[in-house]
Amino acid sequence: MLIHEFDELLEAEPFQPFRILTADGRSLRVKSREFAWHAPASRIIWVASGRGEGRVHMIDLQLVTQSVIETDNGRGKGRGRSR
């Protein structure tokens, strides 16, 4: 995934929660804009779990295999590249 693709997901109006799937099998949910961020011109992102455990995941966007936009019915709509 490229940084501008990630930014498009974060800046979408209206915002829709999405999942990031990684090459090591992780699935991380971004439930609002405040739960994910990156430094300017960086391919490293941080995603907060939001489960009350204060956990933050650091992810290299080159290891993201797919992004999935969550729809109202709880099912995802795939987006982005699959490897």
PDB file of N, CA and C in Angstrom:
ATOM      1  N   MET A   1       0.852  -1.170   0.000  1.00  0.00           N
ATOM      2  CA  MET A   1       0.000   0.000   0.000  1.00  0.00           C
ATOM      3  C   MET A   1       0.897   1.231   0.000  1.00  0.00           C
ATOM      4  N   LEU A   2       0.480   2.241  -0.721  1.00  0.00           N
ATOM      5  CA  LEU A   2       1.213   3.500  -0.767  1.00  0.00           C
ATOM      6  C   LEU A   2       0.615   4.489   0.229  1.00  0.00           C
ATOM      7  N   ILE A   3       1.433   5.436   0.671  1.00  0.00           N
ATOM      8  CA  ILE A   3       0.976   6.381   1.692  1.00  0.00           C
ATOM      9  C   ILE A   3      -0.228   7.190   1.221  1.00  0.00           C
ATOM     10  N   HIS A   4      -0.272   7.552  -0.059  1.00  0.00           N
ATOM     11  CA  HIS A   4      -1.428   8.338  -0.529  1.00  0.00           C
ATOM     12  C   HIS A   4      -2.709   7.498  -0.518  1.00  0.00           C
ATOM     13  N   GLU A   5      -2.604   6.177  -0.704  1.00  0.00           N
ATOM     14  CA  GLU A   5      -3.780   5.302  -0.614  1.00  0.00           C
ATOM     15  C   GLU A   5      -4.293   5.245   0.829  1.00  0.00           C
ATOM     16  N   PHE A   6      -3.359   5.169   1.764  1.00  0.00           N
ATOM     17  CA  PHE A   6      -3.729   5.180   3.189  1.00  0.00           C
ATOM     18  C   PHE A   6      -4.388   6.512   3.548  1.00  0.00           C
ATOM     19  N   ASP A   7      -3.813   7.615   3.073  1.00  0.00           N
ATOM     20  CA  ASP A   7      -4.379   8.942   3.341  1.00  0.00           C
ATOM     21  C   ASP A   7      -5.787   9.076   2.771  1.00  0.00           C
ATOM     22  N   GLU A   8      -6.033   8.490   1.595  1.00  0.00           N
ATOM     23  CA  GLU A   8      -7.380   8.535   1.007  1.00  0.00           C
ATOM     24  C   GLU A   8      -8.395   7.864   1.921  1.00  0.00           C
ATOM     25  N   LEU A   9      -8.015   6.756   2.534  1.00  0.00           N
ATOM     26  CA  LEU A   9      -8.913   6.075   3.467  1.00  0.00           C
ATOM     27  C   LEU A   9      -9.184   6.943   4.692  1.00  0.00           C
ATOM     28  N   LEU A  10      -8.141   7.562   5.224  1.00  0.00           N
ATOM     29  CA  LEU A  10      -8.299   8.394   6.421  1.00  0.00           C
ATOM     30  C   LEU A  10      -9.081   9.669   6.159  1.00  0.00           C
ATOM     31  N   GLU A  11      -8.925  10.239   4.969  1.00  0.00           N
ATOM     32  CA  GLU A  11      -9.536  11.530   4.660  1.00  0.00           C
ATOM     33  C   GLU A  11     -10.886  11.422   3.964  1.00  0.00           C
ATOM     34  N   ALA A  12     -11.377  10.219   3.751  1.00  0.00           N
ATOM     35  CA  ALA A  12     -12.656  10.028   3.057  1.00  0.00           C
ATOM     36  C   ALA A  12     -13.776  10.744   3.795  1.00  0.00           C
ATOM     37  N   GLU A  13     -14.681  11.338   3.035  1.00  0.00           N
ATOM     38  CA  GLU A  13     -15.869  12.006   3.589  1.00  0.00           C
ATOM     39  C   GLU A  13     -17.118  11.358   3.018  1.00  0.00           C
ATOM     40  N   PRO A  14     -17.967  10.803   3.813  1.00  0.00           N
ATOM     41  CA  PRO A  14     -17.789  10.608   5.255  1.00  0.00           C
ATOM     42  C   PRO A  14     -16.781   9.489   5.520  1.00  0.00           C
ATOM     43  N   PHE A  15     -16.165   9.532   6.690  1.00  0.00           N
ATOM     44  CA  PHE A  15     -15.204   8.494   7.059  1.00  0.00           C
ATOM     45  C   PHE A  15     -15.936   7.168   7.216  1.00  0.00           C
ATOM     46  N   GLN A  16     -15.313   6.103   6.707  1.00  0.00           N
ATOM     47  CA  GLN A  16     -15.842   4.751   6.900  1.00  0.00           C
ATOM     48  C   GLN A  16     -14.755   3.918   7.578  1.00  0.00           C
ATOM     49  N   PRO A  17     -15.102   3.217   8.644  1.00  0.00           N
ATOM     50  CA  PRO A  17     -14.116   2.348   9.285  1.00  0.00           C
ATOM     51  C   PRO A  17     -13.553   1.358   8.258  1.00  0.00           C
ATOM     52  N   PHE A  18     -12.287   0.974   8.447  1.00  0.00           N
ATOM     53  CA  PHE A  18     -11.671   0.040   7.522  1.00  0.00           C
ATOM     54  C   PHE A  18     -10.695  -0.861   8.257  1.00  0.00           C
ATOM     55  N   ARG A  19     -10.344  -1.946   7.602  1.00  0.00           N
ATOM     56  CA  ARG A  19      -9.368  -2.895   8.134  1.00  0.00           C
ATOM     57  C   ARG A  19      -8.142  -2.896   7.242  1.00  0.00           C
ATOM     58  N   ILE A  20      -7.004  -3.091   7.876  1.00  0.00           N
ATOM     59  CA  ILE A  20      -5.744  -3.250   7.163  1.00  0.00           C
ATOM     60  C   ILE A  20      -5.306  -4.696   7.376  1.00  0.00           C
ATOM     61  N   LEU A  21      -5.060  -5.402   6.289  1.00  0.00           N
ATOM     62  CA  LEU A  21      -4.594  -6.783   6.359  1.00  0.00           C
ATOM     63  C   LEU A  21      -3.110  -6.788   6.009  1.00  0.00           C
ATOM     64  N   THR A  22      -2.320  -7.471   6.834  1.00  0.00           N
ATOM     65  CA  THR A  22      -0.872  -7.463   6.644  1.00  0.00           C
ATOM     66  C   THR A  22      -0.355  -8.820   6.176  1.00  0.00           C
ATOM     67  N   ALA A  23       0.862  -8.808   5.662  1.00  0.00           N
ATOM     68  CA  ALA A  23       1.478 -10.022   5.129  1.00  0.00           C
ATOM     69  C   ALA A  23       1.653 -11.106   6.191  1.00  0.00           C
ATOM     70  N   ASP A  24       1.752 -10.719   7.459  1.00  0.00           N
ATOM     71  CA  ASP A  24       1.913 -11.722   8.519  1.00  0.00           C
ATOM     72  C   ASP A  24       0.577 -12.206   9.088  1.00  0.00           C
ATOM     73  N   GLY A  25      -0.531 -11.826   8.430  1.00  0.00           N
ATOM     74  CA  GLY A  25      -1.842 -12.348   8.807  1.00  0.00           C
ATOM     75  C   GLY A  25      -2.634 -11.486   9.779  1.00  0.00           C
ATOM     76  N   ARG A  26      -2.091 -10.351  10.179  1.00  0.00           N
ATOM     77  CA  ARG A  26      -2.838  -9.490  11.098  1.00  0.00           C
ATOM     78  C   ARG A  26      -3.957  -8.750  10.374  1.00  0.00           C
ATOM     79  N   SER A  27      -5.013  -8.471  11.107  1.00  0.00           N
ATOM     80  CA  SER A  27      -6.127  -7.667  10.627  1.00  0.00           C
ATOM     81  C   SER A  27      -6.363  -6.584  11.672  1.00  0.00           C
ATOM     82  N   LEU A  28      -6.104  -5.334  11.282  1.00  0.00           N
ATOM     83  CA  LEU A  28      -6.218  -4.228  12.233  1.00  0.00           C
ATOM     84  C   LEU A  28      -7.328  -3.297  11.788  1.00  0.00           C
ATOM     85  N   ARG A  29      -8.248  -3.004  12.704  1.00  0.00           N
ATOM     86  CA  ARG A  29      -9.390  -2.148  12.402  1.00  0.00           C
ATOM     87  C   ARG A  29      -9.088  -0.706  12.765  1.00  0.00           C
ATOM     88  N   VAL A  30      -9.370   0.188  11.830  1.00  0.00           N
ATOM     89  CA  VAL A  30      -9.273   1.632  12.081  1.00  0.00           C
ATOM     90  C   VAL A  30     -10.711   2.120  12.192  1.00  0.00           C
ATOM     91  N   LYS A  31     -11.162   2.357  13.424  1.00  0.00           N
ATOM     92  CA  LYS A  31     -12.576   2.692  13.604  1.00  0.00           C
ATOM     93  C   LYS A  31     -12.879   4.177  13.452  1.00  0.00           C
ATOM     94  N   SER A  32     -11.851   5.034  13.559  1.00  0.00           N
ATOM     95  CA  SER A  32     -12.016   6.459  13.269  1.00  0.00           C
ATOM     96  C   SER A  32     -10.645   7.050  12.959  1.00  0.00           C
ATOM     97  N   ARG A  33     -10.635   8.247  12.433  1.00  0.00           N
ATOM     98  CA  ARG A  33      -9.378   8.888  12.026  1.00  0.00           C
ATOM     99  C   ARG A  33      -8.377   9.004  13.171  1.00  0.00           C
ATOM    100  N   GLU A  34      -8.864   9.166  14.366  1.00  0.00           N
ATOM    101  CA  GLU A  34      -7.997   9.365  15.520  1.00  0.00           C
ATOM    102  C   GLU A  34      -7.216   8.116  15.905  1.00  0.00           C
ATOM    103  N   PHE A  35      -7.562   6.976  15.324  1.00  0.00           N
ATOM    104  CA  PHE A  35      -6.922   5.719  15.697  1.00  0.00           C
ATOM    105  C   PHE A  35      -5.791   5.312  14.761  1.00  0.00           C
ATOM    106  N   ALA A  36      -5.446   6.162  13.771  1.00  0.00           N
ATOM    107  CA  ALA A  36      -4.344   5.841  12.867  1.00  0.00           C
ATOM    108  C   ALA A  36      -3.642   7.130  12.455  1.00  0.00           C
ATOM    109  N   TRP A  37      -2.339   7.054  12.290  1.00  0.00           N
ATOM    110  CA  TRP A  37      -1.582   8.245  11.908  1.00  0.00           C
ATOM    111  C   TRP A  37      -0.225   7.833  11.350  1.00  0.00           C
ATOM    112  N   HIS A  38       0.453   8.810  10.737  1.00  0.00           N
ATOM    113  CA  HIS A  38       1.821   8.615  10.254  1.00  0.00           C
ATOM    114  C   HIS A  38       2.530   9.957  10.228  1.00  0.00           C
ATOM    115  N   ALA A  39       3.849   9.898  10.263  1.00  0.00           N
ATOM    116  CA  ALA A  39       4.654  11.115  10.143  1.00  0.00           C
ATOM    117  C   ALA A  39       4.644  11.555   8.677  1.00  0.00           C
ATOM    118  N   PRO A  40       4.850  12.829   8.417  1.00  0.00           N
ATOM    119  CA  PRO A  40       4.887  13.293   7.029  1.00  0.00           C
ATOM    120  C   PRO A  40       5.932  12.527   6.208  1.00  0.00           C
ATOM    121  N   ALA A  41       5.551  12.149   5.006  1.00  0.00           N
ATOM    122  CA  ALA A  41       6.433  11.451   4.052  1.00  0.00           C
ATOM    123  C   ALA A  41       7.017  10.154   4.607  1.00  0.00           C
ATOM    124  N   SER A  42       6.298   9.491   5.489  1.00  0.00           N
ATOM    125  CA  SER A  42       6.765   8.230   6.067  1.00  0.00           C
ATOM    126  C   SER A  42       5.863   7.085   5.637  1.00  0.00           C
ATOM    127  N   ARG A  43       6.454   5.927   5.388  1.00  0.00           N
ATOM    128  CA  ARG A  43       5.639   4.766   5.026  1.00  0.00           C
ATOM    129  C   ARG A  43       5.288   3.927   6.258  1.00  0.00           C
ATOM    130  N   ILE A  44       5.736   4.373   7.429  1.00  0.00           N
ATOM    131  CA  ILE A  44       5.398   3.699   8.682  1.00  0.00           C
ATOM    132  C   ILE A  44       4.136   4.346   9.245  1.00  0.00           C
ATOM    133  N   ILE A  45       3.151   3.498   9.589  1.00  0.00           N
ATOM    134  CA  ILE A  45       1.922   3.997  10.198  1.00  0.00           C
ATOM    135  C   ILE A  45       1.773   3.391  11.591  1.00  0.00           C
ATOM    136  N   TRP A  46       0.959   4.037  12.401  1.00  0.00           N
ATOM    137  CA  TRP A  46       0.625   3.533  13.722  1.00  0.00           C
ATOM    138  C   TRP A  46      -0.884   3.407  13.795  1.00  0.00           C
ATOM    139  N   VAL A  47      -1.341   2.277  14.331  1.00  0.00           N
ATOM    140  CA  VAL A  47      -2.771   2.026  14.477  1.00  0.00           C
ATOM    141  C   VAL A  47      -3.031   1.644  15.928  1.00  0.00           C
ATOM    142  N   ALA A  48      -3.892   2.424  16.593  1.00  0.00           N
ATOM    143  CA  ALA A  48      -4.266   2.137  17.981  1.00  0.00           C
ATOM    144  C   ALA A  48      -5.396   1.122  17.978  1.00  0.00           C
ATOM    145  N   SER A  49      -5.320   0.166  18.890  1.00  0.00           N
ATOM    146  CA  SER A  49      -6.317  -0.899  18.924  1.00  0.00           C
ATOM    147  C   SER A  49      -7.679  -0.416  19.385  1.00  0.00           C
ATOM    148  N   GLY A  50      -7.717   0.555  20.291  1.00  0.00           N
ATOM    149  CA  GLY A  50      -8.994   1.071  20.764  1.00  0.00           C
ATOM    150  C   GLY A  50      -9.769   0.116  21.642  1.00  0.00           C
ATOM    151  N   ARG A  51      -9.099  -0.868  22.190  1.00  0.00           N
ATOM    152  CA  ARG A  51      -9.779  -1.862  23.025  1.00  0.00           C
ATOM    153  C   ARG A  51      -9.590  -1.593  24.510  1.00  0.00           C
ATOM    154  N   GLY A  52      -9.166  -0.389  24.861  1.00  0.00           N
ATOM    155  CA  GLY A  52      -8.956  -0.067  26.258  1.00  0.00           C
ATOM    156  C   GLY A  52      -7.657  -0.593  26.813  1.00  0.00           C
ATOM    157  N   GLU A  53      -6.845  -1.208  25.960  1.00  0.00           N
ATOM    158  CA  GLU A  53      -5.587  -1.775  26.437  1.00  0.00           C
ATOM    159  C   GLU A  53      -4.390  -0.899  26.087  1.00  0.00           C
ATOM    160  N   GLY A  54      -4.622   0.230  25.427  1.00  0.00           N
ATOM    161  CA  GLY A  54      -3.546   1.152  25.111  1.00  0.00           C
ATOM    162  C   GLY A  54      -2.522   0.611  24.144  1.00  0.00           C
ATOM    163  N   ARG A  55      -2.903  -0.336  23.337  1.00  0.00           N
ATOM    164  CA  ARG A  55      -1.980  -0.982  22.412  1.00  0.00           C
ATOM    165  C   ARG A  55      -1.899  -0.219  21.095  1.00  0.00           C
ATOM    166  N   VAL A  56      -0.685  -0.016  20.604  1.00  0.00           N
ATOM    167  CA  VAL A  56      -0.464   0.658  19.331  1.00  0.00           C
ATOM    168  C   VAL A  56       0.406  -0.241  18.461  1.00  0.00           C
ATOM    169  N   HIS A  57      -0.020  -0.446  17.223  1.00  0.00           N
ATOM    170  CA  HIS A  57       0.709  -1.283  16.283  1.00  0.00           C
ATOM    171  C   HIS A  57       1.456  -0.398  15.293  1.00  0.00           C
ATOM    172  N   MET A  58       2.735  -0.681  15.081  1.00  0.00           N
ATOM    173  CA  MET A  58       3.540   0.031  14.100  1.00  0.00           C
ATOM    174  C   MET A  58       3.648  -0.871  12.862  1.00  0.00           C
ATOM    175  N   ILE A  59       3.279  -0.326  11.698  1.00  0.00           N
ATOM    176  CA  ILE A  59       3.206  -1.139  10.483  1.00  0.00           C
ATOM    177  C   ILE A  59       3.897  -0.422   9.333  1.00  0.00           C
ATOM    178  N   ASP A  60       4.714  -1.162   8.608  1.00  0.00           N
ATOM    179  CA  ASP A  60       5.304  -0.665   7.373  1.00  0.00           C
ATOM    180  C   ASP A  60       4.264  -0.876   6.276  1.00  0.00           C
ATOM    181  N   LEU A  61       3.889   0.181   5.572  1.00  0.00           N
ATOM    182  CA  LEU A  61       2.842   0.072   4.551  1.00  0.00           C
ATOM    183  C   LEU A  61       3.205  -0.900   3.431  1.00  0.00           C
ATOM    184  N   GLN A  62       4.487  -1.188   3.238  1.00  0.00           N
ATOM    185  CA  GLN A  62       4.869  -2.168   2.225  1.00  0.00           C
ATOM    186  C   GLN A  62       4.436  -3.578   2.616  1.00  0.00           C
ATOM    187  N   LEU A  63       4.098  -3.782   3.891  1.00  0.00           N
ATOM    188  CA  LEU A  63       3.640  -5.095   4.352  1.00  0.00           C
ATOM    189  C   LEU A  63       2.119  -5.209   4.392  1.00  0.00           C
ATOM    190  N   VAL A  64       1.421  -4.153   3.985  1.00  0.00           N
ATOM    191  CA  VAL A  64      -0.042  -4.193   3.921  1.00  0.00           C
ATOM    192  C   VAL A  64      -0.439  -4.831   2.597  1.00  0.00           C
ATOM    193  N   THR A  65      -1.188  -5.914   2.676  1.00  0.00           N
ATOM    194  CA  THR A  65      -1.593  -6.635   1.467  1.00  0.00           C
ATOM    195  C   THR A  65      -2.942  -6.195   0.937  1.00  0.00           C
ATOM    196  N   GLN A  66      -3.794  -5.660   1.826  1.00  0.00           N
ATOM    197  CA  GLN A  66      -5.136  -5.260   1.400  1.00  0.00           C
ATOM    198  C   GLN A  66      -5.751  -4.329   2.432  1.00  0.00           C
ATOM    199  N   SER A  67      -6.614  -3.455   1.956  1.00  0.00           N
ATOM    200  CA  SER A  67      -7.449  -2.662   2.859  1.00  0.00           C
ATOM    201  C   SER A  67      -8.895  -3.018   2.558  1.00  0.00           C
ATOM    202  N   VAL A  68      -9.701  -3.083   3.593  1.00  0.00           N
ATOM    203  CA  VAL A  68     -11.101  -3.473   3.463  1.00  0.00           C
ATOM    204  C   VAL A  68     -11.958  -2.417   4.129  1.00  0.00           C
ATOM    205  N   ILE A  69     -12.795  -1.760   3.352  1.00  0.00           N
ATOM    206  CA  ILE A  69     -13.716  -0.763   3.895  1.00  0.00           C
ATOM    207  C   ILE A  69     -14.917  -1.496   4.466  1.00  0.00           C
ATOM    208  N   GLU A  70     -15.251  -1.196   5.711  1.00  0.00           N
ATOM    209  CA  GLU A  70     -16.391  -1.850   6.349  1.00  0.00           C
ATOM    210  C   GLU A  70     -17.679  -1.149   5.929  1.00  0.00           C
ATOM    211  N   THR A  71     -18.684  -1.944   5.637  1.00  0.00           N
ATOM    212  CA  THR A  71     -19.977  -1.402   5.251  1.00  0.00           C
ATOM    213  C   THR A  71     -20.924  -1.473   6.439  1.00  0.00           C
ATOM    214  N   ASP A  72     -22.102  -0.872   6.312  1.00  0.00           N
ATOM    215  CA  ASP A  72     -23.074  -0.831   7.409  1.00  0.00           C
ATOM    216  C   ASP A  72     -23.511  -2.205   7.887  1.00  0.00           C
ATOM    217  N   ASN A  73     -23.508  -3.184   6.991  1.00  0.00           N
ATOM    218  CA  ASN A  73     -23.984  -4.512   7.378  1.00  0.00           C
ATOM    219  C   ASN A  73     -22.887  -5.371   8.008  1.00  0.00           C
ATOM    220  N   GLY A  74     -21.707  -4.773   8.268  1.00  0.00           N
ATOM    221  CA  GLY A  74     -20.642  -5.507   8.924  1.00  0.00           C
ATOM    222  C   GLY A  74     -19.749  -6.273   7.970  1.00  0.00           C
ATOM    223  N   ARG A  75     -20.096  -6.293   6.702  1.00  0.00           N
ATOM    224  CA  ARG A  75     -19.257  -6.986   5.733  1.00  0.00           C
ATOM    225  C   ARG A  75     -18.353  -5.976   5.053  1.00  0.00           C
ATOM    226  N   GLY A  76     -17.192  -6.430   4.690  1.00  0.00           N
ATOM    227  CA  GLY A  76     -16.228  -5.529   4.087  1.00  0.00           C
ATOM    228  C   GLY A  76     -16.300  -5.504   2.581  1.00  0.00           C
ATOM    229  N   LYS A  77     -15.810  -4.413   2.042  1.00  0.00           N
ATOM    230  CA  LYS A  77     -15.674  -4.265   0.589  1.00  0.00           C
ATOM    231  C   LYS A  77     -14.189  -4.095   0.333  1.00  0.00           C
ATOM    232  N   GLY A  78     -13.574  -5.075  -0.342  1.00  0.00           N
ATOM    233  CA  GLY A  78     -12.128  -5.054  -0.564  1.00  0.00           C
ATOM    234  C   GLY A  78     -11.701  -3.849  -1.387  1.00  0.00           C
ATOM    235  N   ARG A  79     -10.509  -3.392  -1.110  1.00  0.00           N
ATOM    236  CA  ARG A  79      -9.957  -2.257  -1.842  1.00  0.00           C
ATOM    237  C   ARG A  79      -8.441  -2.382  -1.813  1.00  0.00           C
ATOM    238  N   GLY A  80      -7.827  -1.910  -2.832  1.00  0.00           N
ATOM    239  CA  GLY A  80      -6.368  -1.897  -2.849  1.00  0.00           C
ATOM    240  C   GLY A  80      -5.806  -3.126  -3.483  1.00  0.00           C
ATOM    241  N   ARG A  81      -4.515  -3.287  -3.303  1.00  0.00           N
ATOM    242  CA  ARG A  81      -3.804  -4.392  -3.929  1.00  0.00           C
ATOM    243  C   ARG A  81      -3.811  -5.617  -3.047  1.00  0.00           C
ATOM    244  N   SER A  82      -3.890  -6.756  -3.670  1.00  0.00           N
ATOM    245  CA  SER A  82      -3.681  -8.009  -2.972  1.00  0.00           C
ATOM    246  C   SER A  82      -2.370  -8.586  -3.482  1.00  0.00           C
ATOM    247  N   ARG A  83      -1.639  -9.223  -2.610  1.00  0.00           N
ATOM    248  CA  ARG A  83      -0.369  -9.820  -3.027  1.00  0.00           C
ATOM    249  C   ARG A  83      -0.489 -11.305  -3.080  1.00  0.00           C
TER     250      ARG A  83
END
